[in-house]
Amino acid sequence: MEDLAEKINSVLSDPESVKQLGEIAQMLGFSPENMPSGDEPQQPAPDVGALMELAGKLKNASAEDDNIRFLNALRPLLSEEKQPRLDKAVRLLKIINLLPIIRDSGILGGDLLGVL
């Protein structure tokens, strides 16, 4: 998960990438209501500050919590066949830890497409 946050930070630090993100957002209909005319320079649709804040939160959420530490402590007690299942459980817990951040960010419409 740290790799994802690093990649997001690298994309957001590059002005050309931010411009491309803005163009993609406009194509998807996420542009502001008052679009500038063709003579004015277009501003990217995503709020860079909000995206940077979200990237920071994602990086913090990828840190291990007590549940993940507990599962990793059980690893030596598990057989070789069951250790991949433990890895899947840890990945699932990390995803679950990201859900409140994604929901609060409003990226998916605020209610995670009706799931939460």
PDB file of N, CA and C in Angstrom:
ATOM      1  N   MET A   1       0.813  -1.194   0.000  1.00  0.00           N
ATOM      2  CA  MET A   1       0.000   0.000   0.000  1.00  0.00           C
ATOM      3  C   MET A   1       0.857   1.258   0.000  1.00  0.00           C
ATOM      4  N   GLU A   2       2.085   1.173   0.581  1.00  0.00           N
ATOM      5  CA  GLU A   2       2.962   2.325   0.563  1.00  0.00           C
ATOM      6  C   GLU A   2       3.357   2.664  -0.874  1.00  0.00           C
ATOM      7  N   ASP A   3       3.514   1.634  -1.715  1.00  0.00           N
ATOM      8  CA  ASP A   3       3.863   1.873  -3.110  1.00  0.00           C
ATOM      9  C   ASP A   3       2.773   2.685  -3.801  1.00  0.00           C
ATOM     10  N   LEU A   4       1.511   2.388  -3.487  1.00  0.00           N
ATOM     11  CA  LEU A   4       0.403   3.121  -4.093  1.00  0.00           C
ATOM     12  C   LEU A   4       0.461   4.595  -3.706  1.00  0.00           C
ATOM     13  N   ALA A   5       0.696   4.867  -2.426  1.00  0.00           N
ATOM     14  CA  ALA A   5       0.772   6.254  -1.975  1.00  0.00           C
ATOM     15  C   ALA A   5       1.955   6.969  -2.618  1.00  0.00           C
ATOM     16  N   GLU A   6       3.083   6.279  -2.764  1.00  0.00           N
ATOM     17  CA  GLU A   6       4.245   6.881  -3.413  1.00  0.00           C
ATOM     18  C   GLU A   6       3.960   7.182  -4.874  1.00  0.00           C
ATOM     19  N   LYS A   7       3.273   6.274  -5.545  1.00  0.00           N
ATOM     20  CA  LYS A   7       2.943   6.492  -6.950  1.00  0.00           C
ATOM     21  C   LYS A   7       1.977   7.667  -7.099  1.00  0.00           C
ATOM     22  N   ILE A   8       1.005   7.755  -6.209  1.00  0.00           N
ATOM     23  CA  ILE A   8       0.054   8.873  -6.258  1.00  0.00           C
ATOM     24  C   ILE A   8       0.795  10.187  -6.039  1.00  0.00           C
ATOM     25  N   ASN A   9       1.689  10.203  -5.054  1.00  0.00           N
ATOM     26  CA  ASN A   9       2.462  11.425  -4.800  1.00  0.00           C
ATOM     27  C   ASN A   9       3.311  11.807  -5.999  1.00  0.00           C
ATOM     28  N   SER A  10       3.929  10.821  -6.665  1.00  0.00           N
ATOM     29  CA  SER A  10       4.768  11.142  -7.816  1.00  0.00           C
ATOM     30  C   SER A  10       3.928  11.677  -8.976  1.00  0.00           C
ATOM     31  N   VAL A  11       2.732  11.123  -9.157  1.00  0.00           N
ATOM     32  CA  VAL A  11       1.855  11.614 -10.229  1.00  0.00           C
ATOM     33  C   VAL A  11       1.386  13.028  -9.919  1.00  0.00           C
ATOM     34  N   LEU A  12       1.035  13.283  -8.652  1.00  0.00           N
ATOM     35  CA  LEU A  12       0.517  14.599  -8.288  1.00  0.00           C
ATOM     36  C   LEU A  12       1.600  15.668  -8.260  1.00  0.00           C
ATOM     37  N   SER A  13       2.860  15.274  -8.148  1.00  0.00           N
ATOM     38  CA  SER A  13       3.930  16.267  -8.143  1.00  0.00           C
ATOM     39  C   SER A  13       4.339  16.676  -9.557  1.00  0.00           C
ATOM     40  N   ASP A  14       3.893  15.944 -10.562  1.00  0.00           N
ATOM     41  CA  ASP A  14       4.222  16.252 -11.949  1.00  0.00           C
ATOM     42  C   ASP A  14       3.084  17.070 -12.564  1.00  0.00           C
ATOM     43  N   PRO A  15       3.344  18.335 -12.951  1.00  0.00           N
ATOM     44  CA  PRO A  15       2.274  19.186 -13.500  1.00  0.00           C
ATOM     45  C   PRO A  15       1.620  18.604 -14.748  1.00  0.00           C
ATOM     46  N   GLU A  16       2.383  17.942 -15.591  1.00  0.00           N
ATOM     47  CA  GLU A  16       1.815  17.345 -16.804  1.00  0.00           C
ATOM     48  C   GLU A  16       0.830  16.229 -16.455  1.00  0.00           C
ATOM     49  N   SER A  17       1.177  15.428 -15.441  1.00  0.00           N
ATOM     50  CA  SER A  17       0.275  14.351 -15.018  1.00  0.00           C
ATOM     51  C   SER A  17      -1.011  14.915 -14.436  1.00  0.00           C
ATOM     52  N   VAL A  18      -0.887  15.998 -13.656  1.00  0.00           N
ATOM     53  CA  VAL A  18      -2.076  16.630 -13.074  1.00  0.00           C
ATOM     54  C   VAL A  18      -2.970  17.171 -14.184  1.00  0.00           C
ATOM     55  N   LYS A  19      -2.345  17.740 -15.215  1.00  0.00           N
ATOM     56  CA  LYS A  19      -3.121  18.250 -16.352  1.00  0.00           C
ATOM     57  C   LYS A  19      -3.862  17.107 -17.043  1.00  0.00           C
ATOM     58  N   GLN A  20      -3.191  15.974 -17.223  1.00  0.00           N
ATOM     59  CA  GLN A  20      -3.831  14.815 -17.856  1.00  0.00           C
ATOM     60  C   GLN A  20      -4.967  14.282 -16.991  1.00  0.00           C
ATOM     61  N   LEU A  21      -4.766  14.266 -15.673  1.00  0.00           N
ATOM     62  CA  LEU A  21      -5.848  13.841 -14.776  1.00  0.00           C
ATOM     63  C   LEU A  21      -7.057  14.752 -14.913  1.00  0.00           C
ATOM     64  N   GLY A  22      -6.794  16.050 -15.027  1.00  0.00           N
ATOM     65  CA  GLY A  22      -7.889  17.001 -15.206  1.00  0.00           C
ATOM     66  C   GLY A  22      -8.647  16.755 -16.490  1.00  0.00           C
ATOM     67  N   GLU A  23      -7.913  16.470 -17.567  1.00  0.00           N
ATOM     68  CA  GLU A  23      -8.563  16.200 -18.848  1.00  0.00           C
ATOM     69  C   GLU A  23      -9.391  14.923 -18.780  1.00  0.00           C
ATOM     70  N   ILE A  24      -8.862  13.911 -18.121  1.00  0.00           N
ATOM     71  CA  ILE A  24      -9.616  12.657 -17.969  1.00  0.00           C
ATOM     72  C   ILE A  24     -10.872  12.893 -17.150  1.00  0.00           C
ATOM     73  N   ALA A  25     -10.740  13.671 -16.070  1.00  0.00           N
ATOM     74  CA  ALA A  25     -11.906  13.964 -15.237  1.00  0.00           C
ATOM     75  C   ALA A  25     -12.966  14.718 -16.017  1.00  0.00           C
ATOM     76  N   GLN A  26     -12.547  15.645 -16.872  1.00  0.00           N
ATOM     77  CA  GLN A  26     -13.511  16.386 -17.677  1.00  0.00           C
ATOM     78  C   GLN A  26     -14.210  15.466 -18.665  1.00  0.00           C
ATOM     79  N   MET A  27     -13.473  14.526 -19.261  1.00  0.00           N
ATOM     80  CA  MET A  27     -14.090  13.583 -20.193  1.00  0.00           C
ATOM     81  C   MET A  27     -15.123  12.705 -19.493  1.00  0.00           C
ATOM     82  N   LEU A  28     -14.867  12.412 -18.211  1.00  0.00           N
ATOM     83  CA  LEU A  28     -15.792  11.564 -17.458  1.00  0.00           C
ATOM     84  C   LEU A  28     -16.943  12.343 -16.844  1.00  0.00           C
ATOM     85  N   GLY A  29     -16.935  13.655 -17.034  1.00  0.00           N
ATOM     86  CA  GLY A  29     -18.047  14.459 -16.528  1.00  0.00           C
ATOM     87  C   GLY A  29     -17.827  14.996 -15.131  1.00  0.00           C
ATOM     88  N   PHE A  30     -16.604  14.966 -14.622  1.00  0.00           N
ATOM     89  CA  PHE A  30     -16.319  15.471 -13.290  1.00  0.00           C
ATOM     90  C   PHE A  30     -15.781  16.888 -13.314  1.00  0.00           C
ATOM     91  N   SER A  31     -16.070  17.619 -14.373  1.00  0.00           N
ATOM     92  CA  SER A  31     -15.556  18.980 -14.487  1.00  0.00           C
ATOM     93  C   SER A  31     -16.460  19.936 -13.716  1.00  0.00           C
ATOM     94  N   PRO A  32     -15.917  21.109 -13.338  1.00  0.00           N
ATOM     95  CA  PRO A  32     -16.740  22.100 -12.657  1.00  0.00           C
ATOM     96  C   PRO A  32     -17.865  22.585 -13.562  1.00  0.00           C
ATOM     97  N   GLU A  33     -18.943  23.078 -12.933  1.00  0.00           N
ATOM     98  CA  GLU A  33     -20.101  23.527 -13.712  1.00  0.00           C
ATOM     99  C   GLU A  33     -19.788  24.739 -14.578  1.00  0.00           C
ATOM    100  N   ASN A  34     -19.003  25.650 -14.064  1.00  0.00           N
ATOM    101  CA  ASN A  34     -18.681  26.842 -14.851  1.00  0.00           C
ATOM    102  C   ASN A  34     -17.344  26.614 -15.557  1.00  0.00           C
ATOM    103  N   MET A  35     -17.416  26.003 -16.711  1.00  0.00           N
ATOM    104  CA  MET A  35     -16.232  25.693 -17.503  1.00  0.00           C
ATOM    105  C   MET A  35     -15.699  26.974 -18.129  1.00  0.00           C
ATOM    106  N   PRO A  36     -14.384  27.128 -18.188  1.00  0.00           N
ATOM    107  CA  PRO A  36     -13.834  28.314 -18.847  1.00  0.00           C
ATOM    108  C   PRO A  36     -14.028  28.225 -20.349  1.00  0.00           C
ATOM    109  N   SER A  37     -14.022  29.403 -20.997  1.00  0.00           N
ATOM    110  CA  SER A  37     -14.174  29.404 -22.448  1.00  0.00           C
ATOM    111  C   SER A  37     -12.887  28.913 -23.091  1.00  0.00           C
ATOM    112  N   GLY A  38     -12.895  28.726 -24.407  1.00  0.00           N
ATOM    113  CA  GLY A  38     -11.737  28.202 -25.111  1.00  0.00           C
ATOM    114  C   GLY A  38     -10.536  29.128 -25.077  1.00  0.00           C
ATOM    115  N   ASP A  39     -10.748  30.446 -24.850  1.00  0.00           N
ATOM    116  CA  ASP A  39      -9.648  31.406 -24.825  1.00  0.00           C
ATOM    117  C   ASP A  39      -8.861  31.352 -23.522  1.00  0.00           C
ATOM    118  N   GLU A  40      -9.545  31.000 -22.422  1.00  0.00           N
ATOM    119  CA  GLU A  40      -8.891  30.979 -21.123  1.00  0.00           C
ATOM    120  C   GLU A  40      -8.169  29.641 -20.929  1.00  0.00           C
ATOM    121  N   PRO A  41      -7.048  29.643 -20.205  1.00  0.00           N
ATOM    122  CA  PRO A  41      -6.388  28.365 -19.932  1.00  0.00           C
ATOM    123  C   PRO A  41      -7.257  27.530 -19.003  1.00  0.00           C
ATOM    124  N   GLN A  42      -7.371  26.263 -19.317  1.00  0.00           N
ATOM    125  CA  GLN A  42      -8.216  25.383 -18.522  1.00  0.00           C
ATOM    126  C   GLN A  42      -7.463  24.903 -17.292  1.00  0.00           C
ATOM    127  N   GLN A  43      -8.151  24.920 -16.163  1.00  0.00           N
ATOM    128  CA  GLN A  43      -7.597  24.409 -14.916  1.00  0.00           C
ATOM    129  C   GLN A  43      -7.996  22.947 -14.787  1.00  0.00           C
ATOM    130  N   PRO A  44      -7.127  22.100 -14.221  1.00  0.00           N
ATOM    131  CA  PRO A  44      -7.492  20.709 -14.039  1.00  0.00           C
ATOM    132  C   PRO A  44      -8.665  20.588 -13.072  1.00  0.00           C
ATOM    133  N   ALA A  45      -9.563  19.646 -13.354  1.00  0.00           N
ATOM    134  CA  ALA A  45     -10.766  19.472 -12.548  1.00  0.00           C
ATOM    135  C   ALA A  45     -10.471  18.973 -11.145  1.00  0.00           C
ATOM    136  N   PRO A  46      -9.519  18.047 -10.930  1.00  0.00           N
ATOM    137  CA  PRO A  46      -9.323  17.570  -9.563  1.00  0.00           C
ATOM    138  C   PRO A  46      -8.641  18.624  -8.701  1.00  0.00           C
ATOM    139  N   ASP A  47      -9.037  18.685  -7.457  1.00  0.00           N
ATOM    140  CA  ASP A  47      -8.422  19.576  -6.477  1.00  0.00           C
ATOM    141  C   ASP A  47      -7.127  18.928  -6.012  1.00  0.00           C
ATOM    142  N   VAL A  48      -6.000  19.507  -6.381  1.00  0.00           N
ATOM    143  CA  VAL A  48      -4.694  18.910  -6.104  1.00  0.00           C
ATOM    144  C   VAL A  48      -4.468  18.804  -4.603  1.00  0.00           C
ATOM    145  N   GLY A  49      -4.870  19.811  -3.863  1.00  0.00           N
ATOM    146  CA  GLY A  49      -4.699  19.768  -2.411  1.00  0.00           C
ATOM    147  C   GLY A  49      -5.463  18.615  -1.794  1.00  0.00           C
ATOM    148  N   ALA A  50      -6.693  18.413  -2.264  1.00  0.00           N
ATOM    149  CA  ALA A  50      -7.501  17.311  -1.736  1.00  0.00           C
ATOM    150  C   ALA A  50      -6.891  15.968  -2.106  1.00  0.00           C
ATOM    151  N   LEU A  51      -6.351  15.878  -3.330  1.00  0.00           N
ATOM    152  CA  LEU A  51      -5.719  14.623  -3.732  1.00  0.00           C
ATOM    153  C   LEU A  51      -4.459  14.344  -2.922  1.00  0.00           C
ATOM    154  N   MET A  52      -3.684  15.378  -2.615  1.00  0.00           N
ATOM    155  CA  MET A  52      -2.488  15.204  -1.787  1.00  0.00           C
ATOM    156  C   MET A  52      -2.869  14.766  -0.372  1.00  0.00           C
ATOM    157  N   GLU A  53      -3.923  15.359   0.147  1.00  0.00           N
ATOM    158  CA  GLU A  53      -4.405  14.974   1.481  1.00  0.00           C
ATOM    159  C   GLU A  53      -4.869  13.524   1.474  1.00  0.00           C
ATOM    160  N   LEU A  54      -5.578  13.140   0.421  1.00  0.00           N
ATOM    161  CA  LEU A  54      -6.038  11.761   0.295  1.00  0.00           C
ATOM    162  C   LEU A  54      -4.857  10.803   0.191  1.00  0.00           C
ATOM    163  N   ALA A  55      -3.827  11.189  -0.554  1.00  0.00           N
ATOM    164  CA  ALA A  55      -2.636  10.335  -0.681  1.00  0.00           C
ATOM    165  C   ALA A  55      -1.969  10.148   0.677  1.00  0.00           C
ATOM    166  N   GLY A  56      -1.908  11.209   1.466  1.00  0.00           N
ATOM    167  CA  GLY A  56      -1.326  11.098   2.802  1.00  0.00           C
ATOM    168  C   GLY A  56      -2.134  10.174   3.695  1.00  0.00           C
ATOM    169  N   LYS A  57      -3.459  10.292   3.613  1.00  0.00           N
ATOM    170  CA  LYS A  57      -4.316   9.418   4.414  1.00  0.00           C
ATOM    171  C   LYS A  57      -4.175   7.966   3.980  1.00  0.00           C
ATOM    172  N   LEU A  58      -4.062   7.741   2.670  1.00  0.00           N
ATOM    173  CA  LEU A  58      -3.886   6.374   2.177  1.00  0.00           C
ATOM    174  C   LEU A  58      -2.574   5.784   2.670  1.00  0.00           C
ATOM    175  N   LYS A  59      -1.541   6.600   2.705  1.00  0.00           N
ATOM    176  CA  LYS A  59      -0.250   6.119   3.196  1.00  0.00           C
ATOM    177  C   LYS A  59      -0.341   5.754   4.671  1.00  0.00           C
ATOM    178  N   ASN A  60      -1.023   6.590   5.456  1.00  0.00           N
ATOM    179  CA  ASN A  60      -1.184   6.300   6.879  1.00  0.00           C
ATOM    180  C   ASN A  60      -2.046   5.070   7.113  1.00  0.00           C
ATOM    181  N   ALA A  61      -3.041   4.863   6.273  1.00  0.00           N
ATOM    182  CA  ALA A  61      -3.941   3.718   6.446  1.00  0.00           C
ATOM    183  C   ALA A  61      -3.249   2.412   6.106  1.00  0.00           C
ATOM    184  N   SER A  62      -2.174   2.477   5.332  1.00  0.00           N
ATOM    185  CA  SER A  62      -1.488   1.250   4.956  1.00  0.00           C
ATOM    186  C   SER A  62      -0.604   0.717   6.080  1.00  0.00           C
ATOM    187  N   ALA A  63      -0.458   1.496   7.147  1.00  0.00           N
ATOM    188  CA  ALA A  63       0.342   1.031   8.282  1.00  0.00           C
ATOM    189  C   ALA A  63      -0.377  -0.126   8.967  1.00  0.00           C
ATOM    190  N   GLU A  64       0.413  -0.969   9.605  1.00  0.00           N
ATOM    191  CA  GLU A  64      -0.175  -2.138  10.263  1.00  0.00           C
ATOM    192  C   GLU A  64      -0.961  -1.712  11.493  1.00  0.00           C
ATOM    193  N   ASP A  65      -2.110  -2.345  11.688  1.00  0.00           N
ATOM    194  CA  ASP A  65      -2.874  -2.143  12.900  1.00  0.00           C
ATOM    195  C   ASP A  65      -2.735  -3.393  13.772  1.00  0.00           C
ATOM    196  N   ASP A  66      -3.435  -3.428  14.896  1.00  0.00           N
ATOM    197  CA  ASP A  66      -3.308  -4.562  15.818  1.00  0.00           C
ATOM    198  C   ASP A  66      -3.747  -5.875  15.186  1.00  0.00           C
ATOM    199  N   ASN A  67      -4.787  -5.838  14.360  1.00  0.00           N
ATOM    200  CA  ASN A  67      -5.274  -7.069  13.737  1.00  0.00           C
ATOM    201  C   ASN A  67      -4.244  -7.661  12.774  1.00  0.00           C
ATOM    202  N   ILE A  68      -3.610  -6.802  12.012  1.00  0.00           N
ATOM    203  CA  ILE A  68      -2.605  -7.273  11.055  1.00  0.00           C
ATOM    204  C   ILE A  68      -1.382  -7.793  11.796  1.00  0.00           C
ATOM    205  N   ARG A  69      -0.983  -7.091  12.854  1.00  0.00           N
ATOM    206  CA  ARG A  69       0.155  -7.577  13.651  1.00  0.00           C
ATOM    207  C   ARG A  69      -0.159  -8.935  14.272  1.00  0.00           C
ATOM    208  N   PHE A  70      -1.386  -9.114  14.722  1.00  0.00           N
ATOM    209  CA  PHE A  70      -1.793 -10.399  15.302  1.00  0.00           C
ATOM    210  C   PHE A  70      -1.699 -11.521  14.268  1.00  0.00           C
ATOM    211  N   LEU A  71      -2.228 -11.281  13.083  1.00  0.00           N
ATOM    212  CA  LEU A  71      -2.172 -12.310  12.038  1.00  0.00           C
ATOM    213  C   LEU A  71      -0.732 -12.619  11.646  1.00  0.00           C
ATOM    214  N   ASN A  72       0.100 -11.602  11.552  1.00  0.00           N
ATOM    215  CA  ASN A  72       1.499 -11.852  11.217  1.00  0.00           C
ATOM    216  C   ASN A  72       2.220 -12.605  12.330  1.00  0.00           C
ATOM    217  N   ALA A  73       1.804 -12.405  13.575  1.00  0.00           N
ATOM    218  CA  ALA A  73       2.404 -13.150  14.683  1.00  0.00           C
ATOM    219  C   ALA A  73       2.024 -14.626  14.627  1.00  0.00           C
ATOM    220  N   LEU A  74       0.887 -14.934  14.012  1.00  0.00           N
ATOM    221  CA  LEU A  74       0.456 -16.332  13.884  1.00  0.00           C
ATOM    222  C   LEU A  74       1.179 -17.071  12.771  1.00  0.00           C
ATOM    223  N   ARG A  75       1.837 -16.358  11.882  1.00  0.00           N
ATOM    224  CA  ARG A  75       2.473 -16.962  10.707  1.00  0.00           C
ATOM    225  C   ARG A  75       3.363 -18.155  11.038  1.00  0.00           C
ATOM    226  N   PRO A  76       4.254 -18.078  12.052  1.00  0.00           N
ATOM    227  CA  PRO A  76       5.120 -19.238  12.316  1.00  0.00           C
ATOM    228  C   PRO A  76       4.353 -20.481  12.783  1.00  0.00           C
ATOM    229  N   LEU A  77       3.159 -20.276  13.266  1.00  0.00           N
ATOM    230  CA  LEU A  77       2.365 -21.399  13.753  1.00  0.00           C
ATOM    231  C   LEU A  77       1.565 -22.090  12.663  1.00  0.00           C
ATOM    232  N   LEU A  78       1.500 -21.485  11.492  1.00  0.00           N
ATOM    233  CA  LEU A  78       0.707 -22.023  10.393  1.00  0.00           C
ATOM    234  C   LEU A  78       1.571 -22.876   9.470  1.00  0.00           C
ATOM    235  N   SER A  79       0.911 -23.840   8.846  1.00  0.00           N
ATOM    236  CA  SER A  79       1.616 -24.672   7.873  1.00  0.00           C
ATOM    237  C   SER A  79       1.871 -23.874   6.599  1.00  0.00           C
ATOM    238  N   GLU A  80       2.749 -24.396   5.761  1.00  0.00           N
ATOM    239  CA  GLU A  80       3.095 -23.735   4.492  1.00  0.00           C
ATOM    240  C   GLU A  80       1.861 -23.536   3.619  1.00  0.00           C
ATOM    241  N   GLU A  81       0.923 -24.480   3.667  1.00  0.00           N
ATOM    242  CA  GLU A  81      -0.269 -24.392   2.820  1.00  0.00           C
ATOM    243  C   GLU A  81      -1.214 -23.274   3.266  1.00  0.00           C
ATOM    244  N   LYS A  82      -1.213 -22.952   4.570  1.00  0.00           N
ATOM    245  CA  LYS A  82      -2.157 -21.960   5.085  1.00  0.00           C
ATOM    246  C   LYS A  82      -1.583 -20.542   5.114  1.00  0.00           C
ATOM    247  N   GLN A  83      -0.294 -20.404   4.939  1.00  0.00           N
ATOM    248  CA  GLN A  83       0.299 -19.070   4.976  1.00  0.00           C
ATOM    249  C   GLN A  83      -0.183 -18.164   3.843  1.00  0.00           C
ATOM    250  N   PRO A  84      -0.414 -18.677   2.630  1.00  0.00           N
ATOM    251  CA  PRO A  84      -0.988 -17.796   1.592  1.00  0.00           C
ATOM    252  C   PRO A  84      -2.378 -17.268   1.966  1.00  0.00           C
ATOM    253  N   ARG A  85      -3.143 -18.053   2.698  1.00  0.00           N
ATOM    254  CA  ARG A  85      -4.455 -17.588   3.149  1.00  0.00           C
ATOM    255  C   ARG A  85      -4.299 -16.440   4.139  1.00  0.00           C
ATOM    256  N   LEU A  86      -3.271 -16.523   4.979  1.00  0.00           N
ATOM    257  CA  LEU A  86      -2.994 -15.447   5.915  1.00  0.00           C
ATOM    258  C   LEU A  86      -2.624 -14.174   5.153  1.00  0.00           C
ATOM    259  N   ASP A  87      -1.825 -14.317   4.096  1.00  0.00           N
ATOM    260  CA  ASP A  87      -1.462 -13.149   3.279  1.00  0.00           C
ATOM    261  C   ASP A  87      -2.703 -12.503   2.675  1.00  0.00           C
ATOM    262  N   LYS A  88      -3.636 -13.312   2.196  1.00  0.00           N
ATOM    263  CA  LYS A  88      -4.879 -12.775   1.630  1.00  0.00           C
ATOM    264  C   LYS A  88      -5.690 -12.050   2.700  1.00  0.00           C
ATOM    265  N   ALA A  89      -5.721 -12.615   3.909  1.00  0.00           N
ATOM    266  CA  ALA A  89      -6.465 -11.981   5.000  1.00  0.00           C
ATOM    267  C   ALA A  89      -5.851 -10.630   5.362  1.00  0.00           C
ATOM    268  N   VAL A  90      -4.528 -10.548   5.364  1.00  0.00           N
ATOM    269  CA  VAL A  90      -3.855  -9.283   5.672  1.00  0.00           C
ATOM    270  C   VAL A  90      -4.171  -8.255   4.596  1.00  0.00           C
ATOM    271  N   ARG A  91      -4.130  -8.651   3.328  1.00  0.00           N
ATOM    272  CA  ARG A  91      -4.464  -7.720   2.243  1.00  0.00           C
ATOM    273  C   ARG A  91      -5.911  -7.247   2.360  1.00  0.00           C
ATOM    274  N   LEU A  92      -6.804  -8.160   2.716  1.00  0.00           N
ATOM    275  CA  LEU A  92      -8.212  -7.792   2.883  1.00  0.00           C
ATOM    276  C   LEU A  92      -8.382  -6.795   4.026  1.00  0.00           C
ATOM    277  N   LEU A  93      -7.683  -7.000   5.139  1.00  0.00           N
ATOM    278  CA  LEU A  93      -7.761  -6.051   6.246  1.00  0.00           C
ATOM    279  C   LEU A  93      -7.244  -4.676   5.845  1.00  0.00           C
ATOM    280  N   LYS A  94      -6.190  -4.639   5.035  1.00  0.00           N
ATOM    281  CA  LYS A  94      -5.676  -3.343   4.580  1.00  0.00           C
ATOM    282  C   LYS A  94      -6.696  -2.631   3.700  1.00  0.00           C
ATOM    283  N   ILE A  95      -7.391  -3.389   2.866  1.00  0.00           N
ATOM    284  CA  ILE A  95      -8.436  -2.797   2.017  1.00  0.00           C
ATOM    285  C   ILE A  95      -9.585  -2.293   2.874  1.00  0.00           C
ATOM    286  N   ILE A  96      -9.967  -3.079   3.871  1.00  0.00           N
ATOM    287  CA  ILE A  96     -11.046  -2.670   4.765  1.00  0.00           C
ATOM    288  C   ILE A  96     -10.670  -1.389   5.501  1.00  0.00           C
ATOM    289  N   ASN A  97      -9.390  -1.250   5.869  1.00  0.00           N
ATOM    290  CA  ASN A  97      -8.942  -0.034   6.539  1.00  0.00           C
ATOM    291  C   ASN A  97      -9.020   1.183   5.620  1.00  0.00           C
ATOM    292  N   LEU A  98      -8.975   0.971   4.312  1.00  0.00           N
ATOM    293  CA  LEU A  98      -9.048   2.075   3.355  1.00  0.00           C
ATOM    294  C   LEU A  98     -10.481   2.533   3.089  1.00  0.00           C
ATOM    295  N   LEU A  99     -11.458   1.682   3.326  1.00  0.00           N
ATOM    296  CA  LEU A  99     -12.842   2.010   2.975  1.00  0.00           C
ATOM    297  C   LEU A  99     -13.356   3.306   3.604  1.00  0.00           C
ATOM    298  N   PRO A 100     -13.154   3.549   4.900  1.00  0.00           N
ATOM    299  CA  PRO A 100     -13.657   4.816   5.451  1.00  0.00           C
ATOM    300  C   PRO A 100     -13.013   6.043   4.809  1.00  0.00           C
ATOM    301  N   ILE A 101     -11.739   5.937   4.463  1.00  0.00           N
ATOM    302  CA  ILE A 101     -11.049   7.063   3.834  1.00  0.00           C
ATOM    303  C   ILE A 101     -11.633   7.325   2.454  1.00  0.00           C
ATOM    304  N   ILE A 102     -11.853   6.273   1.689  1.00  0.00           N
ATOM    305  CA  ILE A 102     -12.425   6.424   0.351  1.00  0.00           C
ATOM    306  C   ILE A 102     -13.849   6.954   0.439  1.00  0.00           C
ATOM    307  N   ARG A 103     -14.633   6.436   1.387  1.00  0.00           N
ATOM    308  CA  ARG A 103     -16.012   6.903   1.555  1.00  0.00           C
ATOM    309  C   ARG A 103     -16.048   8.381   1.897  1.00  0.00           C
ATOM    310  N   ASP A 104     -15.206   8.814   2.846  1.00  0.00           N
ATOM    311  CA  ASP A 104     -15.202  10.207   3.275  1.00  0.00           C
ATOM    312  C   ASP A 104     -14.677  11.145   2.194  1.00  0.00           C
ATOM    313  N   SER A 105     -13.836  10.630   1.314  1.00  0.00           N
ATOM    314  CA  SER A 105     -13.282  11.470   0.242  1.00  0.00           C
ATOM    315  C   SER A 105     -14.330  11.817  -0.803  1.00  0.00           C
ATOM    316  N   GLY A 106     -15.364  10.989  -0.947  1.00  0.00           N
ATOM    317  CA  GLY A 106     -16.407  11.241  -1.933  1.00  0.00           C
ATOM    318  C   GLY A 106     -16.048  10.791  -3.327  1.00  0.00           C
ATOM    319  N   ILE A 107     -14.960  10.065  -3.478  1.00  0.00           N
ATOM    320  CA  ILE A 107     -14.523   9.617  -4.801  1.00  0.00           C
ATOM    321  C   ILE A 107     -15.598   8.766  -5.475  1.00  0.00           C
ATOM    322  N   LEU A 108     -16.240   7.916  -4.716  1.00  0.00           N
ATOM    323  CA  LEU A 108     -17.235   6.998  -5.294  1.00  0.00           C
ATOM    324  C   LEU A 108     -18.660   7.440  -4.997  1.00  0.00           C
ATOM    325  N   GLY A 109     -18.871   8.723  -4.889  1.00  0.00           N
ATOM    326  CA  GLY A 109     -20.229   9.216  -4.694  1.00  0.00           C
ATOM    327  C   GLY A 109     -20.602   9.363  -3.237  1.00  0.00           C
ATOM    328  N   GLY A 110     -19.681   9.186  -2.315  1.00  0.00           N
ATOM    329  CA  GLY A 110     -19.945   9.411  -0.902  1.00  0.00           C
ATOM    330  C   GLY A 110     -20.478   8.220  -0.145  1.00  0.00           C
ATOM    331  N   ASP A 111     -21.097   7.258  -0.834  1.00  0.00           N
ATOM    332  CA  ASP A 111     -21.641   6.106  -0.114  1.00  0.00           C
ATOM    333  C   ASP A 111     -21.083   4.800  -0.640  1.00  0.00           C
ATOM    334  N   LEU A 112     -19.929   4.847  -1.292  1.00  0.00           N
ATOM    335  CA  LEU A 112     -19.292   3.663  -1.878  1.00  0.00           C
ATOM    336  C   LEU A 112     -20.266   2.878  -2.751  1.00  0.00           C
ATOM    337  N   LEU A 113     -20.927   3.616  -3.623  1.00  0.00           N
ATOM    338  CA  LEU A 113     -21.858   3.038  -4.596  1.00  0.00           C
ATOM    339  C   LEU A 113     -22.970   2.239  -3.935  1.00  0.00           C
ATOM    340  N   GLY A 114     -23.427   2.715  -2.766  1.00  0.00           N
ATOM    341  CA  GLY A 114     -24.538   2.084  -2.075  1.00  0.00           C
ATOM    342  C   GLY A 114     -24.150   0.943  -1.161  1.00  0.00           C
ATOM    343  N   VAL A 115     -22.850   0.621  -1.072  1.00  0.00           N
ATOM    344  CA  VAL A 115     -22.419  -0.478  -0.217  1.00  0.00           C
ATOM    345  C   VAL A 115     -22.415  -0.046   1.235  1.00  0.00           C
ATOM    346  N   LEU A 116     -21.906   1.174   1.523  1.00  0.00           N
ATOM    347  CA  LEU A 116     -21.839   1.678   2.902  1.00  0.00           C
ATOM    348  C   LEU A 116     -22.670   2.928   3.040  1.00  0.00           C
TER     349      LEU A 116
END
